[in-house]
């Protein structure tokens, strides 16, 4: 499995990369613009991501805006919804309004409230049919 970790906080990136490593390889982006660029490059090289872990609050382009742009790119490329990248939004904010917006406006597939843990990650990957 191939993942993209989009996180501006170094410690959070390291933790998520370590937690995800038993499931596959991951690339890193430190803001939403890098996430969009990485997503496009992965598709152009015919090696798209299976999952993106997207922090919501980031500099340059925030996670929600980045996900909106990624979904728009998928639509332009004709990617059917069943083959769209699975996106797990991550945030330190336990705010129901943010959760609802990430699902309704941005078409997120899942949501994890930090702090991240192995149990939370496995639960979400299983829910997305990405882990046994």
C-alpha atoms as a PDB file:
ATOM      1  CA  UNK A   1       0.000   0.000   0.000  1.00  0.00           C
ATOM      2  CA  UNK A   2       1.196   3.503  -0.802  1.00  0.00           C
ATOM      3  CA  UNK A   3       0.370   6.424   1.466  1.00  0.00           C
ATOM      4  CA  UNK A   4       0.914  10.150   1.643  1.00  0.00           C
ATOM      5  CA  UNK A   5       1.312  11.808   5.026  1.00  0.00           C
ATOM      6  CA  UNK A   6       0.446  15.504   4.925  1.00  0.00           C
ATOM      7  CA  UNK A   7       1.435  17.111   8.204  1.00  0.00           C
ATOM      8  CA  UNK A   8       3.256  20.322   9.105  1.00  0.00           C
ATOM      9  CA  UNK A   9       4.302  19.149  12.579  1.00  0.00           C
ATOM     10  CA  UNK A  10       7.553  17.140  12.551  1.00  0.00           C
ATOM     11  CA  UNK A  11       6.692  14.956  15.548  1.00  0.00           C
ATOM     12  CA  UNK A  12       3.238  14.104  14.177  1.00  0.00           C
ATOM     13  CA  UNK A  13       4.800  13.212  10.790  1.00  0.00           C
ATOM     14  CA  UNK A  14       7.313  10.892  12.423  1.00  0.00           C
ATOM     15  CA  UNK A  15       4.685   9.189  14.580  1.00  0.00           C
ATOM     16  CA  UNK A  16       2.305   8.624  11.666  1.00  0.00           C
ATOM     17  CA  UNK A  17       5.081   7.396   9.372  1.00  0.00           C
ATOM     18  CA  UNK A  18       6.139   4.865  12.025  1.00  0.00           C
ATOM     19  CA  UNK A  19       2.548   3.740  12.695  1.00  0.00           C
ATOM     20  CA  UNK A  20       1.840   3.337   8.967  1.00  0.00           C
ATOM     21  CA  UNK A  21       5.107   1.568   8.087  1.00  0.00           C
ATOM     22  CA  UNK A  22       3.818  -2.018   8.715  1.00  0.00           C
ATOM     23  CA  UNK A  23       1.103  -1.365   6.099  1.00  0.00           C
ATOM     24  CA  UNK A  24       3.164   0.200   3.330  1.00  0.00           C
ATOM     25  CA  UNK A  25       5.469   2.929   2.105  1.00  0.00           C
ATOM     26  CA  UNK A  26       4.675   6.574   2.634  1.00  0.00           C
ATOM     27  CA  UNK A  27       5.702   9.883   1.168  1.00  0.00           C
ATOM     28  CA  UNK A  28       5.667  13.128   3.145  1.00  0.00           C
ATOM     29  CA  UNK A  29       4.226  16.560   2.389  1.00  0.00           C
ATOM     30  CA  UNK A  30       4.458  19.440   4.862  1.00  0.00           C
ATOM     31  CA  UNK A  31       1.542  21.519   3.556  1.00  0.00           C
ATOM     32  CA  UNK A  32      -1.487  21.290   1.304  1.00  0.00           C
ATOM     33  CA  UNK A  33       0.294  22.607  -1.780  1.00  0.00           C
ATOM     34  CA  UNK A  34       2.916  19.859  -1.515  1.00  0.00           C
ATOM     35  CA  UNK A  35       0.089  17.343  -1.047  1.00  0.00           C
ATOM     36  CA  UNK A  36      -1.609  18.430  -4.264  1.00  0.00           C
ATOM     37  CA  UNK A  37       1.699  18.335  -6.156  1.00  0.00           C
ATOM     38  CA  UNK A  38       2.564  14.883  -4.737  1.00  0.00           C
ATOM     39  CA  UNK A  39      -0.892  13.576  -5.628  1.00  0.00           C
ATOM     40  CA  UNK A  40      -0.536  14.753  -9.238  1.00  0.00           C
ATOM     41  CA  UNK A  41       2.999  13.374  -9.596  1.00  0.00           C
ATOM     42  CA  UNK A  42       1.902   9.991  -8.232  1.00  0.00           C
ATOM     43  CA  UNK A  43      -0.897   9.806 -10.818  1.00  0.00           C
ATOM     44  CA  UNK A  44       1.348  10.951 -13.653  1.00  0.00           C
ATOM     45  CA  UNK A  45       3.832   8.196 -12.777  1.00  0.00           C
ATOM     46  CA  UNK A  46       0.974   5.629 -12.709  1.00  0.00           C
ATOM     47  CA  UNK A  47       1.608   4.948  -8.993  1.00  0.00           C
ATOM     48  CA  UNK A  48      -1.313   6.681  -7.259  1.00  0.00           C
ATOM     49  CA  UNK A  49      -1.717   6.748  -3.515  1.00  0.00           C
ATOM     50  CA  UNK A  50      -4.064   4.307  -1.807  1.00  0.00           C
ATOM     51  CA  UNK A  51      -4.494   6.560   1.210  1.00  0.00           C
ATOM     52  CA  UNK A  52      -3.722  10.126   2.229  1.00  0.00           C
ATOM     53  CA  UNK A  53      -3.507  11.222   5.853  1.00  0.00           C
ATOM     54  CA  UNK A  54      -4.306  14.938   5.709  1.00  0.00           C
ATOM     55  CA  UNK A  55      -3.843  17.337   8.616  1.00  0.00           C
ATOM     56  CA  UNK A  56      -6.504  20.039   8.579  1.00  0.00           C
ATOM     57  CA  UNK A  57      -4.605  23.037   9.969  1.00  0.00           C
ATOM     58  CA  UNK A  58      -1.478  23.719   7.877  1.00  0.00           C
ATOM     59  CA  UNK A  59       0.315  26.694   6.337  1.00  0.00           C
ATOM     60  CA  UNK A  60       0.236  27.657   2.635  1.00  0.00           C
ATOM     61  CA  UNK A  61      -2.877  25.559   1.782  1.00  0.00           C
ATOM     62  CA  UNK A  62      -4.902  23.979   4.587  1.00  0.00           C
ATOM     63  CA  UNK A  63      -6.008  20.345   4.510  1.00  0.00           C
ATOM     64  CA  UNK A  64      -9.623  20.975   3.580  1.00  0.00           C
ATOM     65  CA  UNK A  65      -8.726  23.156   0.611  1.00  0.00           C
ATOM     66  CA  UNK A  66      -6.072  20.653  -0.493  1.00  0.00           C
ATOM     67  CA  UNK A  67      -8.605  17.824  -0.395  1.00  0.00           C
ATOM     68  CA  UNK A  68     -11.145  19.845  -2.394  1.00  0.00           C
ATOM     69  CA  UNK A  69      -8.489  20.391  -5.079  1.00  0.00           C
ATOM     70  CA  UNK A  70      -7.463  16.713  -5.054  1.00  0.00           C
ATOM     71  CA  UNK A  71     -11.094  15.623  -5.517  1.00  0.00           C
ATOM     72  CA  UNK A  72     -11.441  18.137  -8.350  1.00  0.00           C
ATOM     73  CA  UNK A  73      -8.324  16.741 -10.045  1.00  0.00           C
ATOM     74  CA  UNK A  74      -9.690  13.184  -9.714  1.00  0.00           C
ATOM     75  CA  UNK A  75     -12.941  14.255 -11.372  1.00  0.00           C
ATOM     76  CA  UNK A  76     -11.065  15.960 -14.233  1.00  0.00           C
ATOM     77  CA  UNK A  77      -8.986  12.777 -14.733  1.00  0.00           C
ATOM     78  CA  UNK A  78     -12.149  10.668 -14.817  1.00  0.00           C
ATOM     79  CA  UNK A  79     -11.245   8.636 -11.726  1.00  0.00           C
ATOM     80  CA  UNK A  80     -14.409   6.769 -10.693  1.00  0.00           C
ATOM     81  CA  UNK A  81     -15.464   7.304  -7.049  1.00  0.00           C
ATOM     82  CA  UNK A  82     -14.783   3.631  -6.301  1.00  0.00           C
ATOM     83  CA  UNK A  83     -11.105   4.132  -7.264  1.00  0.00           C
ATOM     84  CA  UNK A  84     -10.633   7.553  -5.653  1.00  0.00           C
ATOM     85  CA  UNK A  85      -7.873   7.863  -3.071  1.00  0.00           C
ATOM     86  CA  UNK A  86      -9.041   7.239   0.495  1.00  0.00           C
ATOM     87  CA  UNK A  87      -8.464  10.335   2.616  1.00  0.00           C
ATOM     88  CA  UNK A  88      -8.238  10.323   6.395  1.00  0.00           C
ATOM     89  CA  UNK A  89      -8.386  13.813   7.868  1.00  0.00           C
ATOM     90  CA  UNK A  90      -6.300  14.281  11.012  1.00  0.00           C
ATOM     91  CA  UNK A  91      -6.618  17.111  13.504  1.00  0.00           C
ATOM     92  CA  UNK A  92      -6.063  18.102  17.092  1.00  0.00           C
ATOM     93  CA  UNK A  93      -9.454  19.816  17.033  1.00  0.00           C
ATOM     94  CA  UNK A  94     -12.308  17.725  18.374  1.00  0.00           C
ATOM     95  CA  UNK A  95     -14.833  19.990  16.692  1.00  0.00           C
ATOM     96  CA  UNK A  96     -18.004  18.393  15.250  1.00  0.00           C
ATOM     97  CA  UNK A  97     -18.440  21.285  12.786  1.00  0.00           C
ATOM     98  CA  UNK A  98     -14.984  20.632  11.312  1.00  0.00           C
ATOM     99  CA  UNK A  99     -15.740  16.911  11.037  1.00  0.00           C
ATOM    100  CA  UNK A 100     -19.031  17.558   9.214  1.00  0.00           C
ATOM    101  CA  UNK A 101     -17.375  20.060   6.838  1.00  0.00           C
ATOM    102  CA  UNK A 102     -14.541  17.652   5.998  1.00  0.00           C
ATOM    103  CA  UNK A 103     -17.049  14.968   4.993  1.00  0.00           C
ATOM    104  CA  UNK A 104     -19.675  17.113   3.264  1.00  0.00           C
ATOM    105  CA  UNK A 105     -17.610  19.811   1.567  1.00  0.00           C
ATOM    106  CA  UNK A 106     -14.328  18.006   0.997  1.00  0.00           C
ATOM    107  CA  UNK A 107     -15.409  14.380   0.488  1.00  0.00           C
ATOM    108  CA  UNK A 108     -13.130  12.974   3.199  1.00  0.00           C
ATOM    109  CA  UNK A 109     -13.460   9.231   3.822  1.00  0.00           C
ATOM    110  CA  UNK A 110     -12.499   9.194   7.483  1.00  0.00           C
ATOM    111  CA  UNK A 111     -11.370  11.301  10.416  1.00  0.00           C
ATOM    112  CA  UNK A 112      -8.885  10.752  13.255  1.00  0.00           C
ATOM    113  CA  UNK A 113      -8.562  13.109  16.228  1.00  0.00           C
ATOM    114  CA  UNK A 114      -4.998  13.403  17.525  1.00  0.00           C
ATOM    115  CA  UNK A 115      -3.137  12.079  19.385  1.00  0.00           C
ATOM    116  CA  UNK A 116      -2.622   9.302  16.847  1.00  0.00           C
ATOM    117  CA  UNK A 117      -2.312   5.733  18.023  1.00  0.00           C
ATOM    118  CA  UNK A 118      -1.771   2.341  16.445  1.00  0.00           C
ATOM    119  CA  UNK A 119      -5.303   1.325  17.453  1.00  0.00           C
ATOM    120  CA  UNK A 120      -6.909   4.395  15.850  1.00  0.00           C
ATOM    121  CA  UNK A 121      -4.909   3.903  12.652  1.00  0.00           C
ATOM    122  CA  UNK A 122      -5.731   0.202  12.332  1.00  0.00           C
ATOM    123  CA  UNK A 123      -9.424   0.876  13.016  1.00  0.00           C
ATOM    124  CA  UNK A 124      -9.594   3.479  10.229  1.00  0.00           C
ATOM    125  CA  UNK A 125      -7.605   1.409   7.724  1.00  0.00           C
ATOM    126  CA  UNK A 126      -9.912  -1.549   8.357  1.00  0.00           C
ATOM    127  CA  UNK A 127     -13.005   0.624   7.998  1.00  0.00           C
ATOM    128  CA  UNK A 128     -11.674   1.743   4.600  1.00  0.00           C
ATOM    129  CA  UNK A 129     -10.900  -1.882   3.586  1.00  0.00           C
ATOM    130  CA  UNK A 130      -7.191  -1.096   3.429  1.00  0.00           C
ATOM    131  CA  UNK A 131      -6.088  -3.494   6.191  1.00  0.00           C
ATOM    132  CA  UNK A 132      -7.184  -6.992   7.272  1.00  0.00           C
END
